[in-house]
Amino acid sequence: MRSKPTVIDFFAGAGGISLGFKKAGFEILAANDIDKHCKETYNKNFPKVPCILKDIRNLTANEIFQVCGTDQIDVVVGGPACQGFSLANIKTRTADNPKNNLVFEFIRLVKDIRPSWFIMENVEGLIHMNNGSFTNSIIKNMRRHGYSIDFISLCAADYGVPQKRKRVFFIGNRIGKKIEIPKKKFGTEKKPHITVEEALGDLPEIDNQTGGYAFCEYTTAPKNKYQKKMRGRSKSVHNHLITKSSKLILERYSRIPPGKNWSALPDSLKSKCVKESGGHSYLYKRLEPNSPANTIANFRKAMMIHPFEDRGLSVREAARLQSFNDSFVFTGGISSQQQQLANVVPPLLAQAIGAQIIKTL
């Protein structure tokens, strides 16, 4: 008999939800992803958890039971690909985007596995797609199979993540328990949100010429509780790497003050595309040090700028802003590491949800 409640993580990516649920007291029985680099990162950080490298459309409940060694699962979690719903992806945000169907593949496995609880994470755009028809379909589908279900929108900053990342969570159970929103822990006068400077202020300086460090020592002591929490027992910094930028890009960086974006640039430094049609507000955005970061999407593609230094964010800095401990190591090439971090659920947000659910098990 297992001593801890159990969870399976689909679309696991680098393992943000897994890490959060592990911290909340769960045992992770298995994970799944289609990306080999994500699997490598997952295996590096969860060496005892089998991670199945397979398209979820070809995965069955019986395969999962065989890997887990049991068909009694407490919780199934997952964050299906969100390109079809994301407001940030104008070109792919359509109702017929084939990746939208991955939501229903996740639902199929929930129905076949029949866990006590399930949690499905996605961007807020999902609930508005096709005038709410996707949301209604999900709810009707799960109710038909005996699950009470609701969806809640949560901001990661309210749960100790130094980032204003908003996500929607569909949460359901078939054991008659009330679905409750995790209590906010930050964002009050007594306990304000964690800021970018609080999150990053102790990490070593790096420059464009070196490209950062795959491994380096801390150069200062931690300066606050968040930095101490992120360091934990780690004695060194991993993945403190940046993509090197051209002189033109560096010149653009140098002209943008904290909290501002590409619109602060003189016309002579704006790209032709931006001049003609404008750009997203997050492009060339220099982080404001005294508030949580804006959503960490692919921070290299967005040209997200360090709050003080004229360079892009390092992988480790993005990991800090996503609330990954410094001992969590990302593998693969730097572009893969950047994308892995863009796709994750912040562990501290996942932990808050897991802590709420574990009370019922």
Protein backbone atom coordinates (compact mmCIF):
# COMPACT_ATOMS: atom_id res chain seq x y z
CA MET A 1 0.00 0.00 0.00
CA ARG A 2 1.35 3.42 -0.98
CA SER A 3 1.92 5.97 1.75
CA LYS A 4 1.30 9.02 -0.47
CA PRO A 5 -1.48 10.00 -2.88
CA THR A 6 -0.50 9.32 -6.49
CA VAL A 7 -0.45 11.42 -9.65
CA ILE A 8 0.23 10.96 -13.38
CA ASP A 9 1.47 13.93 -15.41
CA PHE A 10 0.56 14.15 -19.12
CA PHE A 11 2.17 16.78 -21.39
CA ALA A 12 4.69 16.90 -18.58
CA GLY A 13 7.28 19.02 -20.38
CA ALA A 14 10.20 19.82 -18.09
CA GLY A 15 8.12 18.87 -15.05
CA GLY A 16 6.64 22.03 -13.52
CA ILE A 17 3.40 20.38 -12.37
CA SER A 18 5.24 17.27 -11.22
CA LEU A 19 7.62 19.32 -9.10
CA GLY A 20 4.75 21.29 -7.56
CA PHE A 21 2.74 18.17 -6.74
CA LYS A 22 5.81 16.45 -5.34
CA LYS A 23 6.32 19.41 -3.00
CA ALA A 24 2.64 19.18 -2.03
CA GLY A 25 3.15 15.57 -0.89
CA PHE A 26 2.24 13.44 -3.91
CA GLU A 27 4.07 10.47 -5.39
CA ILE A 28 4.54 10.85 -9.15
CA LEU A 29 3.90 7.44 -10.72
CA ALA A 30 4.49 8.29 -14.40
CA ALA A 31 4.81 11.13 -16.89
CA ASN A 32 4.40 11.53 -20.63
CA ASP A 33 5.62 13.91 -23.31
CA ILE A 34 6.35 13.82 -27.03
CA ASP A 35 9.49 15.98 -26.90
CA LYS A 36 12.73 14.05 -26.37
CA HIS A 37 14.49 17.07 -24.84
CA CYS A 38 11.68 17.48 -22.30
CA LYS A 39 12.00 13.79 -21.48
CA GLU A 40 15.75 14.23 -20.93
CA THR A 41 15.15 17.14 -18.56
CA TYR A 42 12.38 15.24 -16.79
CA ASN A 43 14.56 12.14 -16.35
CA LYS A 44 17.41 14.28 -15.04
CA ASN A 45 15.24 15.76 -12.29
CA PHE A 46 12.87 12.84 -11.60
CA PRO A 47 15.16 9.83 -12.12
CA LYS A 48 12.81 7.39 -10.40
CA VAL A 49 9.72 8.36 -12.42
CA PRO A 50 9.16 6.62 -15.78
CA CYS A 51 8.59 9.24 -18.50
CA ILE A 52 6.92 7.80 -21.59
CA LEU A 53 8.11 9.38 -24.85
CA LYS A 54 5.01 9.01 -27.00
CA ASP A 55 2.28 10.93 -28.81
CA ILE A 56 -0.64 10.99 -26.38
CA ARG A 57 -2.98 10.11 -29.24
CA ASN A 58 -1.36 6.66 -29.32
CA LEU A 59 -1.29 6.16 -25.56
CA THR A 60 -3.79 3.94 -23.73
CA ALA A 61 -4.87 3.62 -20.12
CA ASN A 62 -3.67 -0.01 -20.04
CA GLU A 63 -0.15 1.10 -21.00
CA ILE A 64 -0.25 3.62 -18.16
CA PHE A 65 -1.46 1.02 -15.66
CA GLN A 66 1.33 -1.33 -16.72
CA VAL A 67 3.99 1.34 -16.26
CA CYS A 68 2.56 2.43 -12.89
CA GLY A 69 2.00 -1.10 -11.63
CA THR A 70 -1.53 -0.19 -10.54
CA ASP A 71 -4.85 0.99 -11.92
CA GLN A 72 -5.68 2.94 -8.76
CA ILE A 73 -4.67 6.54 -9.50
CA ASP A 74 -5.61 9.48 -7.30
CA VAL A 75 -4.94 12.40 -9.66
CA VAL A 76 -4.29 12.94 -13.36
CA VAL A 77 -2.81 16.29 -14.40
CA GLY A 78 -1.79 17.81 -17.70
CA GLY A 79 -1.43 20.92 -19.83
CA PRO A 80 -2.31 20.14 -23.47
CA ALA A 81 -0.60 22.26 -26.13
CA CYS A 82 -2.19 25.71 -26.17
CA GLN A 83 -1.23 27.26 -29.54
CA GLY A 84 -4.81 27.07 -30.75
CA PHE A 85 -6.08 29.11 -27.80
CA SER A 86 -3.28 31.53 -26.94
CA LEU A 87 -3.90 35.23 -27.48
CA ALA A 88 -0.17 35.60 -28.12
CA ASN A 89 -0.27 33.38 -31.22
CA ILE A 90 -2.26 35.28 -33.83
CA LYS A 91 -1.32 32.92 -36.69
CA THR A 92 -2.34 29.71 -34.89
CA ARG A 93 -5.26 30.92 -32.76
CA THR A 94 -8.07 29.23 -34.70
CA ALA A 95 -10.83 26.83 -33.77
CA ASP A 96 -9.60 24.22 -36.26
CA ASN A 97 -5.99 24.16 -35.06
CA PRO A 98 -5.28 20.39 -34.81
CA LYS A 99 -3.55 20.85 -31.47
CA ASN A 100 -6.91 21.83 -29.95
CA ASN A 101 -7.87 18.14 -30.18
CA LEU A 102 -5.16 17.28 -27.68
CA VAL A 103 -7.50 18.62 -25.01
CA PHE A 104 -9.94 15.83 -25.83
CA GLU A 105 -7.15 13.24 -25.92
CA PHE A 106 -6.38 14.24 -22.34
CA ILE A 107 -10.08 13.89 -21.48
CA ARG A 108 -10.16 10.46 -23.14
CA LEU A 109 -7.38 9.22 -20.87
CA VAL A 110 -9.01 10.72 -17.78
CA LYS A 111 -12.20 8.84 -18.60
CA ASP A 112 -10.30 5.57 -19.13
CA ILE A 113 -8.00 5.89 -16.12
CA ARG A 114 -10.79 7.18 -13.84
CA PRO A 115 -8.72 8.99 -11.22
CA SER A 116 -10.40 10.53 -8.19
CA TRP A 117 -9.34 14.00 -9.40
CA PHE A 118 -8.10 15.56 -12.62
CA ILE A 119 -6.58 18.98 -13.35
CA MET A 120 -6.17 20.34 -16.86
CA GLU A 121 -4.17 23.56 -17.32
CA ASN A 122 -4.36 25.91 -20.29
CA VAL A 123 -4.25 29.53 -21.38
CA GLU A 124 -7.26 31.71 -20.60
CA GLY A 125 -8.06 31.95 -24.30
CA LEU A 126 -9.44 28.41 -24.22
CA ILE A 127 -12.53 29.41 -22.26
CA HIS A 128 -13.43 32.03 -24.89
CA MET A 129 -12.71 29.96 -28.01
CA ASN A 130 -15.76 29.61 -30.29
CA ASN A 131 -17.88 31.67 -27.90
CA GLY A 132 -17.27 29.20 -25.10
CA SER A 133 -18.15 26.05 -27.04
CA PHE A 134 -14.87 24.32 -26.13
CA THR A 135 -15.50 24.98 -22.45
CA ASN A 136 -19.07 23.72 -22.66
CA SER A 137 -17.95 20.59 -24.48
CA ILE A 138 -15.32 19.82 -21.85
CA ILE A 139 -17.76 20.32 -18.98
CA LYS A 140 -20.57 18.25 -20.57
CA ASN A 141 -18.13 15.49 -21.48
CA MET A 142 -16.79 15.10 -17.96
CA ARG A 143 -20.16 15.39 -16.24
CA ARG A 144 -21.43 12.62 -18.48
CA HIS A 145 -18.73 10.39 -17.03
CA GLY A 146 -19.47 11.14 -13.40
CA TYR A 147 -17.16 14.09 -12.69
CA SER A 148 -18.19 17.31 -11.03
CA ILE A 149 -16.13 19.98 -12.76
CA ASP A 150 -15.39 23.68 -12.67
CA PHE A 151 -12.77 25.99 -14.09
CA ILE A 152 -10.84 28.68 -12.28
CA SER A 153 -8.43 31.35 -13.48
CA LEU A 154 -5.35 31.82 -11.30
CA CYS A 155 -2.49 34.31 -11.35
CA ALA A 156 0.87 32.76 -10.46
CA ALA A 157 2.00 35.91 -8.62
CA ASP A 158 -0.70 35.32 -5.99
CA TYR A 159 1.03 32.07 -5.01
CA GLY A 160 4.60 33.27 -4.60
CA VAL A 161 5.76 33.16 -8.24
CA PRO A 162 7.48 36.41 -9.34
CA GLN A 163 5.44 36.49 -12.53
CA LYS A 164 2.00 37.76 -13.56
CA ARG A 165 1.22 34.57 -15.44
CA LYS A 166 -2.51 33.82 -15.70
CA ARG A 167 -3.77 30.36 -16.50
CA VAL A 168 -7.10 28.56 -16.42
CA PHE A 169 -7.44 25.22 -14.62
CA PHE A 170 -10.27 22.77 -15.25
CA ILE A 171 -10.59 20.79 -12.02
CA GLY A 172 -12.91 17.88 -11.43
CA ASN A 173 -13.50 14.89 -9.16
CA ARG A 174 -15.81 11.90 -8.98
CA ILE A 175 -15.73 11.49 -5.18
CA GLY A 176 -18.24 14.16 -4.24
CA LYS A 177 -15.76 16.74 -2.98
CA LYS A 178 -16.24 20.48 -3.26
CA ILE A 179 -13.87 22.18 -5.70
CA GLU A 180 -12.23 25.04 -3.83
CA ILE A 181 -9.88 27.75 -5.08
CA PRO A 182 -6.47 27.69 -3.38
CA LYS A 183 -6.18 30.60 -0.99
CA LYS A 184 -3.99 33.44 -2.28
CA LYS A 185 -0.74 33.79 -0.34
CA PHE A 186 0.70 36.98 -1.85
CA GLY A 187 -0.52 40.31 -3.17
CA THR A 188 -1.56 41.99 0.06
CA GLU A 189 -0.11 44.98 1.89
CA LYS A 190 1.42 42.69 4.51
CA LYS A 191 2.68 40.16 1.97
CA PRO A 192 3.23 41.81 -1.43
CA HIS A 193 4.03 39.95 -4.64
CA ILE A 194 7.60 38.77 -5.19
CA THR A 195 9.38 41.18 -7.57
CA VAL A 196 11.83 40.57 -10.40
CA GLU A 197 14.67 42.12 -8.42
CA GLU A 198 13.90 39.97 -5.39
CA ALA A 199 13.95 36.89 -7.63
CA LEU A 200 17.13 37.61 -9.60
CA GLY A 201 19.24 39.97 -7.50
CA ASP A 202 21.69 37.36 -6.20
CA LEU A 203 22.56 35.68 -9.51
CA PRO A 204 26.03 36.34 -10.99
CA GLU A 205 26.38 38.99 -13.68
CA ILE A 206 26.99 37.75 -17.22
CA ASP A 207 27.65 39.49 -20.52
CA ASN A 208 26.93 39.02 -24.19
CA GLN A 209 30.52 38.05 -25.05
CA THR A 210 30.69 35.03 -22.76
CA GLY A 211 27.11 33.92 -23.37
CA GLY A 212 26.87 33.04 -19.70
CA TYR A 213 27.77 29.82 -17.90
CA ALA A 214 26.44 26.31 -17.98
CA PHE A 215 27.76 26.00 -14.44
CA CYS A 216 29.15 28.64 -12.06
CA GLU A 217 29.44 29.49 -8.38
CA TYR A 218 27.30 31.98 -6.49
CA THR A 219 29.13 35.27 -5.98
CA THR A 220 26.93 36.71 -3.21
CA ALA A 221 24.87 35.47 -0.29
CA PRO A 222 21.08 35.25 -0.75
CA LYS A 223 19.40 38.57 0.06
CA ASN A 224 15.81 37.54 0.82
CA LYS A 225 13.52 34.58 1.56
CA TYR A 226 12.71 33.87 -2.08
CA GLN A 227 16.38 33.60 -3.05
CA LYS A 228 17.01 31.30 -0.08
CA LYS A 229 14.07 29.14 -1.13
CA MET A 230 15.26 28.92 -4.74
CA ARG A 231 18.81 28.07 -3.71
CA GLY A 232 17.81 25.44 -1.19
CA ARG A 233 20.87 23.26 -0.69
CA SER A 234 22.34 24.07 -4.10
CA LYS A 235 25.94 25.24 -3.96
CA SER A 236 26.13 26.39 -7.59
CA VAL A 237 24.20 27.89 -10.49
CA HIS A 238 23.23 25.81 -13.52
CA ASN A 239 21.91 26.96 -16.93
CA HIS A 240 22.96 30.59 -16.48
CA LEU A 241 23.12 30.91 -20.28
CA ILE A 242 21.99 33.53 -22.78
CA THR A 243 21.71 33.62 -26.55
CA LYS A 244 24.38 35.99 -27.85
CA SER A 245 22.96 39.07 -29.58
CA SER A 246 24.16 41.22 -32.49
CA LYS A 247 25.35 44.80 -32.03
CA LEU A 248 22.02 46.06 -33.40
CA ILE A 249 20.04 44.05 -30.84
CA LEU A 250 22.30 45.23 -28.01
CA GLU A 251 21.82 48.84 -29.14
CA ARG A 252 18.06 48.34 -28.99
CA TYR A 253 18.33 46.85 -25.52
CA SER A 254 20.35 49.83 -24.28
CA ARG A 255 17.65 52.30 -25.34
CA ILE A 256 14.74 50.67 -23.52
CA PRO A 257 14.08 51.63 -19.86
CA PRO A 258 12.52 49.29 -17.25
CA GLY A 259 8.88 48.48 -17.91
CA LYS A 260 9.01 49.74 -21.52
CA ASN A 261 9.09 47.88 -24.83
CA TRP A 262 9.97 48.34 -28.52
CA SER A 263 7.78 51.45 -28.71
CA ALA A 264 10.44 53.34 -26.70
CA LEU A 265 12.94 52.92 -29.54
CA PRO A 266 13.70 55.70 -32.02
CA ASP A 267 12.43 54.94 -35.54
CA SER A 268 15.99 54.43 -36.72
CA LEU A 269 16.30 51.33 -34.49
CA LYS A 270 12.86 49.82 -35.11
CA SER A 271 12.59 46.92 -37.51
CA LYS A 272 10.72 47.42 -40.77
CA CYS A 273 7.97 45.04 -39.62
CA VAL A 274 7.40 46.94 -36.38
CA LYS A 275 7.38 50.30 -38.17
CA GLU A 276 4.74 49.11 -40.64
CA SER A 277 2.43 47.07 -38.44
CA GLY A 278 3.47 47.56 -34.82
CA GLY A 279 4.28 44.68 -32.49
CA HIS A 280 3.11 42.84 -29.41
CA SER A 281 3.48 44.74 -26.16
CA TYR A 282 5.80 42.03 -24.82
CA LEU A 283 8.38 42.42 -27.62
CA TYR A 284 11.64 43.97 -26.44
CA LYS A 285 10.14 44.38 -22.99
CA ARG A 286 12.63 45.28 -20.29
CA LEU A 287 11.48 43.79 -17.02
CA GLU A 288 10.36 46.18 -14.30
CA PRO A 289 12.50 45.31 -11.26
CA ASN A 290 9.95 46.40 -8.64
CA SER A 291 7.05 44.22 -9.77
CA PRO A 292 6.52 40.62 -10.86
CA ALA A 293 7.54 39.80 -14.44
CA ASN A 294 5.08 39.69 -17.27
CA THR A 295 4.30 36.20 -18.61
CA ILE A 296 7.42 34.22 -19.49
CA ALA A 297 6.64 32.93 -22.97
CA ASN A 298 9.64 32.12 -25.17
CA PHE A 299 11.76 34.89 -23.70
CA ARG A 300 14.38 34.68 -26.48
CA LYS A 301 11.84 35.06 -29.30
CA ALA A 302 10.18 37.89 -27.40
CA MET A 303 13.58 39.53 -26.80
CA MET A 304 12.77 39.92 -23.10
CA ILE A 305 15.39 42.18 -21.49
CA HIS A 306 17.13 41.88 -18.13
CA PRO A 307 15.95 44.62 -15.70
CA PHE A 308 19.43 46.19 -15.33
CA GLU A 309 21.84 44.63 -17.82
CA ASP A 310 21.64 45.20 -21.59
CA ARG A 311 21.06 41.58 -22.53
CA GLY A 312 18.39 38.94 -22.72
CA LEU A 313 17.40 36.73 -19.82
CA SER A 314 19.42 33.66 -19.00
CA VAL A 315 17.78 30.25 -18.73
CA ARG A 316 18.36 30.27 -14.98
CA GLU A 317 16.82 33.72 -14.59
CA ALA A 318 13.72 32.55 -16.44
CA ALA A 319 13.68 29.46 -14.22
CA ARG A 320 13.77 31.69 -11.13
CA LEU A 321 10.86 33.72 -12.52
CA GLN A 322 8.98 30.44 -13.03
CA SER A 323 9.84 29.35 -9.43
CA PHE A 324 12.12 26.40 -10.26
CA ASN A 325 14.73 25.66 -7.61
CA ASP A 326 18.35 26.25 -8.64
CA SER A 327 19.01 22.51 -8.27
CA PHE A 328 16.60 21.81 -11.15
CA VAL A 329 18.75 21.32 -14.25
CA PHE A 330 17.51 21.86 -17.82
CA THR A 331 19.05 19.78 -20.60
CA GLY A 332 19.28 20.04 -24.39
CA GLY A 333 20.42 23.01 -26.48
CA ILE A 334 19.77 26.53 -25.26
CA SER A 335 16.83 27.09 -27.61
CA SER A 336 15.21 23.92 -26.29
CA GLN A 337 15.81 24.99 -22.69
CA GLN A 338 14.20 28.36 -23.44
CA GLN A 339 11.14 26.70 -24.97
CA GLN A 340 10.85 24.21 -22.11
CA LEU A 341 10.62 27.12 -19.68
CA ALA A 342 8.10 28.94 -21.85
CA ASN A 343 5.70 25.99 -21.67
CA VAL A 344 5.79 25.06 -17.99
CA VAL A 345 3.33 25.53 -15.18
CA PRO A 346 5.20 27.33 -12.36
CA PRO A 347 5.91 24.76 -9.63
CA LEU A 348 4.75 27.03 -6.78
CA LEU A 349 1.39 27.51 -8.51
CA ALA A 350 1.07 23.76 -9.07
CA GLN A 351 2.02 23.17 -5.43
CA ALA A 352 -0.82 25.42 -4.24
CA ILE A 353 -3.33 23.41 -6.28
CA GLY A 354 -1.85 20.10 -5.14
CA ALA A 355 -1.95 21.18 -1.50
CA GLN A 356 -5.64 22.02 -1.86
CA ILE A 357 -6.48 18.64 -3.40
CA ILE A 358 -4.39 16.47 -1.09
CA LYS A 359 -6.62 17.58 1.81
CA THR A 360 -9.44 15.50 0.27
CA LEU A 361 -7.44 12.29 -0.22
